[in-house]
Protein backbone atom coordinates (compact mmCIF):
# COMPACT_ATOMS: atom_id res chain seq x y z
CA MET A 1 107.10 104.58 82.02
CA ASN A 2 107.70 102.66 77.91
CA VAL A 3 110.40 102.98 75.80
CA GLN A 4 108.62 103.32 72.23
CA ALA A 5 109.52 103.18 68.80
CA GLY A 6 109.76 106.81 68.24
CA ASP A 7 112.33 107.39 71.38
CA THR A 8 115.46 109.70 70.27
CA TRP A 9 118.62 106.80 71.79
CA ARG A 10 120.49 109.82 73.17
CA ILE A 11 123.41 107.93 75.24
CA THR A 12 124.25 105.51 72.50
CA SER A 13 127.61 106.36 72.85
CA LEU A 14 127.96 106.63 76.29
CA ILE A 15 126.18 103.37 77.00
CA ASN A 16 128.71 101.41 74.29
CA SER A 17 131.78 103.33 76.18
CA LEU A 18 131.70 101.53 79.09
CA ASN A 19 132.12 97.44 80.15
CA SER A 20 128.76 97.27 82.83
CA PRO A 21 126.86 100.27 82.95
CA LYS A 22 125.34 100.89 86.29
CA PHE A 23 121.92 100.95 85.64
CA ASP A 24 120.93 102.22 89.45
CA GLU A 25 122.33 104.76 89.20
CA ILE A 26 120.08 105.97 86.30
CA LYS A 27 117.10 107.59 88.05
CA ASP A 28 115.26 108.21 85.15
CA VAL A 29 113.41 105.10 84.18
CA LYS A 30 112.83 105.38 80.84
CA GLN A 31 116.58 106.29 80.23
CA MET A 32 116.92 103.19 82.40
CA LYS A 33 115.27 101.09 79.38
CA ILE A 34 116.90 102.92 76.96
CA ALA A 35 120.62 102.50 78.38
CA PHE A 36 119.53 98.88 79.26
CA PHE A 37 118.28 98.20 75.56
CA THR A 38 121.52 100.05 73.85
CA TYR A 39 124.03 98.11 76.02
CA LEU A 40 122.09 93.98 75.85
CA LEU A 41 121.16 94.30 72.15
CA PRO A 42 124.54 94.38 69.86
CA ILE A 43 125.50 91.54 72.29
CA VAL A 44 121.45 89.46 71.89
CA LYS A 45 122.92 90.10 67.93
CA GLU A 46 126.18 89.14 67.87
CA GLU A 47 125.25 86.15 69.65
CA ASN A 48 122.68 85.14 67.07
CA ASN A 49 124.19 85.75 64.00
CA LYS A 50 127.12 83.01 65.57
CA ILE A 51 123.96 81.34 65.84
CA LYS A 52 123.00 82.26 62.01
CA VAL A 53 126.29 80.57 61.00
CA ALA A 54 126.60 77.21 62.80
CA HIS A 55 122.73 76.96 61.50
CA ALA A 56 123.62 77.54 57.42
CA PHE A 57 126.97 75.60 57.85
CA LEU A 58 124.49 72.87 59.29
CA LYS A 59 122.02 73.09 56.52
CA ASN A 60 124.54 73.00 54.02
CA ASP A 61 127.01 70.15 55.63
CA LYS A 62 129.69 72.20 56.33
CA PHE A 63 130.73 70.82 59.34
CA SER A 64 133.46 67.37 59.53
CA LYS A 65 132.48 64.15 61.21
CA THR A 66 133.99 65.82 64.24
CA GLN A 67 132.75 68.83 64.21
CA MET A 68 129.35 66.80 63.74
CA LYS A 69 129.91 64.99 67.04
CA LYS A 70 131.51 67.75 69.06
CA LEU A 71 127.94 69.73 67.61
CA THR A 72 126.09 66.65 68.82
CA LYS A 73 127.23 66.79 72.95
CA LYS A 74 127.13 70.20 73.27
CA TYR A 75 123.56 69.86 72.16
CA HIS A 76 123.12 66.63 74.85
CA LEU A 77 121.87 64.57 72.16
CA LYS A 78 122.83 60.65 72.67
CA LYS A 79 123.30 60.60 67.98
CA VAL A 80 124.39 63.23 65.36
CA ASP A 81 120.98 63.40 63.63
CA LYS A 82 120.82 66.66 61.86
CA ALA A 83 117.15 67.09 61.42
CA ALA A 84 116.69 67.42 65.62
CA LEU A 85 120.11 69.90 65.31
CA LEU A 86 118.67 72.49 62.25
CA LYS A 87 115.33 73.00 64.77
CA MET A 88 117.70 73.13 68.00
CA VAL A 89 120.82 75.22 66.52
CA ASP A 90 118.52 78.62 65.92
CA THR A 91 118.13 82.08 67.06
CA ILE A 92 115.79 83.58 69.53
CA PRO A 93 113.63 86.91 69.14
CA ALA A 94 115.89 89.63 70.73
CA SER A 95 112.75 90.75 71.81
CA LEU A 96 112.52 87.59 73.96
CA VAL A 97 116.14 87.69 75.65
CA LEU A 98 115.73 91.60 76.14
CA ALA A 99 112.35 90.89 77.82
CA GLN A 100 113.55 88.37 80.03
CA ALA A 101 116.96 89.80 80.71
CA ALA A 102 114.84 92.96 82.83
CA ILE A 103 112.88 90.80 84.37
CA GLU A 104 115.59 87.69 85.86
CA SER A 105 117.74 91.01 86.37
CA ASN A 106 115.88 94.13 86.99
CA TRP A 107 116.65 95.45 84.76
CA GLY A 108 120.30 94.93 85.55
CA ARG A 109 120.22 95.82 89.09
CA SER A 110 120.62 92.91 90.79
CA ARG A 111 123.78 91.75 92.41
CA PHE A 112 123.69 88.65 90.18
CA SER A 113 123.74 90.42 86.70
CA LYS A 114 126.57 93.67 88.30
CA ARG A 115 128.61 91.54 89.86
CA TRP A 116 128.61 88.05 88.30
CA ASN A 117 127.22 89.28 84.26
CA ASN A 118 124.15 86.22 85.18
CA TYR A 119 121.47 88.10 83.14
CA PHE A 120 119.15 85.56 83.55
CA GLY A 121 118.94 84.04 86.53
CA ILE A 122 120.52 80.53 85.62
CA TRP A 123 121.26 78.01 88.30
CA CYS A 124 123.52 75.48 88.32
CA PHE A 125 123.79 72.57 91.00
CA SER A 126 127.23 71.10 91.94
CA LYS A 127 128.81 72.58 94.84
CA GLY A 128 131.43 75.31 93.72
CA CYS A 129 129.55 76.04 90.30
CA GLY A 130 128.82 79.70 90.92
CA ILE A 131 126.96 81.49 93.69
CA ALA A 132 124.84 80.06 96.50
CA PRO A 133 122.19 83.03 97.16
CA LYS A 134 121.96 84.34 100.27
CA LYS A 135 118.44 83.63 100.66
CA ARG A 136 117.98 80.16 99.72
CA ASP A 137 114.87 77.54 100.80
CA LYS A 138 116.44 74.88 103.62
CA GLY A 139 117.27 72.12 101.57
CA THR A 140 118.30 73.50 98.18
CA LYS A 141 121.70 73.52 96.93
CA HIS A 142 121.56 75.11 93.27
CA GLU A 143 123.60 78.14 92.80
CA ILE A 144 123.72 81.34 90.78
CA MET A 145 125.87 80.61 87.99
CA ASN A 146 129.08 82.78 87.43
CA PHE A 147 129.98 84.47 83.77
CA ALA A 148 133.42 86.07 82.79
CA SER A 149 130.87 88.41 80.82
CA THR A 150 127.49 89.37 79.28
CA HIS A 151 128.34 88.41 75.84
CA LYS A 152 128.78 84.51 77.93
CA SER A 153 125.77 85.04 80.04
CA VAL A 154 123.86 85.34 76.59
CA GLU A 155 125.04 82.81 74.89
CA TYR A 156 124.72 80.12 77.25
CA TYR A 157 120.95 81.63 78.19
CA MET A 158 120.47 80.59 74.24
CA LEU A 159 122.14 77.14 74.46
CA ASN A 160 119.90 76.42 77.32
CA LEU A 161 116.99 77.72 75.34
CA ASN A 162 118.07 75.78 72.56
CA ARG A 163 119.04 72.62 74.10
CA ASN A 164 116.75 72.17 77.61
CA HIS A 165 114.08 69.70 77.39
CA HIS A 166 112.26 71.83 79.32
CA TYR A 167 111.91 74.08 76.52
CA LYS A 168 111.22 71.86 73.85
CA LEU A 169 107.61 73.47 73.51
CA LEU A 170 109.47 76.61 72.68
CA ARG A 171 111.70 74.88 69.82
CA GLN A 172 108.65 73.18 68.48
CA ILE A 173 106.72 76.14 68.30
CA ARG A 174 109.82 77.82 66.23
CA ALA A 175 110.72 74.97 64.66
CA TYR A 176 106.85 75.51 63.18
CA LYS A 177 106.84 79.27 62.75
CA ARG A 178 109.86 78.02 60.33
CA LYS A 179 108.29 75.46 58.80
CA HIS A 180 105.51 77.49 57.31
CA ASN A 181 107.05 80.81 57.15
CA LEU A 182 105.94 82.71 59.49
CA LYS A 183 107.34 85.40 61.24
CA LEU A 184 109.20 84.55 64.71
CA THR A 185 108.36 86.66 67.94
CA GLY A 186 109.47 86.80 71.23
CA LYS A 187 106.54 86.52 71.71
CA SER A 188 105.13 84.01 70.10
CA LEU A 189 108.53 81.51 71.80
CA SER A 190 107.50 82.41 74.90
CA GLU A 191 104.73 80.32 74.88
CA GLY A 192 107.26 77.41 75.51
CA LEU A 193 108.69 79.00 78.81
CA ASP A 194 106.18 78.26 81.49
CA LYS A 195 109.02 75.42 82.79
CA TYR A 196 111.18 78.68 83.52
CA SER A 197 109.97 80.19 86.09
CA ALA A 198 107.77 78.86 89.55
CA LYS A 199 104.90 81.49 88.51
CA GLY A 200 104.06 79.49 85.02
CA TYR A 201 102.16 81.55 82.85
CA GLU A 202 101.43 84.30 85.30
CA TYR A 203 106.00 84.71 84.05
CA ILE A 204 104.74 84.22 80.39
CA GLU A 205 101.77 86.40 81.32
CA LEU A 206 104.67 88.98 82.86
CA ILE A 207 107.74 88.19 79.41
CA GLN A 208 104.74 89.78 77.01
CA ASN A 209 103.68 92.74 79.03
CA ILE A 210 107.04 93.72 78.86
CA ILE A 211 107.74 92.90 75.13
CA ARG A 212 103.77 94.63 74.45
CA GLN A 213 105.06 97.96 76.99
CA ASN A 214 107.99 98.59 75.74
CA ASN A 215 107.32 98.00 72.11
CA LEU A 216 110.29 94.72 71.68
CA THR A 217 108.94 93.45 68.93
CA ARG A 218 110.59 95.98 66.47
CA PHE A 219 114.23 94.10 66.93
CA ASP A 220 112.67 91.11 65.92
């Protein structure tokens, strides 16, 4: 069942009062989706607002030299490059965040989202950096990252899209949209996520289907 714009968000106060909603205990699919979006959306907005502030500071030369060096290191650039940073320190459409979180966490019901706040299937590759998955292909050493909170999970996910070389196309699409004053949507940016999953373009289609079926573009 899909969540449409006209739905009444009857359980907003309940979800906002919970630290970690138990989505797997909500048997009605429609209500489970509403709970999921209601829980995550304020966090997504908050993290995007932080990025907006940083972008404005960067654009208006409000950062000190020391801060610029830290920002350069954070975004994995070899040298201070304001133009490059402006393309990286930018927001991620809420519809894309919500759709990927739904996919990667099975609507907040996966073991890693429930116990370790990993809503985006994010891996790390040094021993002890996270939690080793129970089923891991022979010869692979990846672990699933552990986050202290959902906020930290969303924050890292956005940083990952904004600095990882695998998602350069996403940033190029966003920069083009910005340059030509076109609306930034999760659907358009999802075209740059073919390397997020081994499924390739099939994964992009999955993201776009969730965005469309649940009318998530209304949040962009």
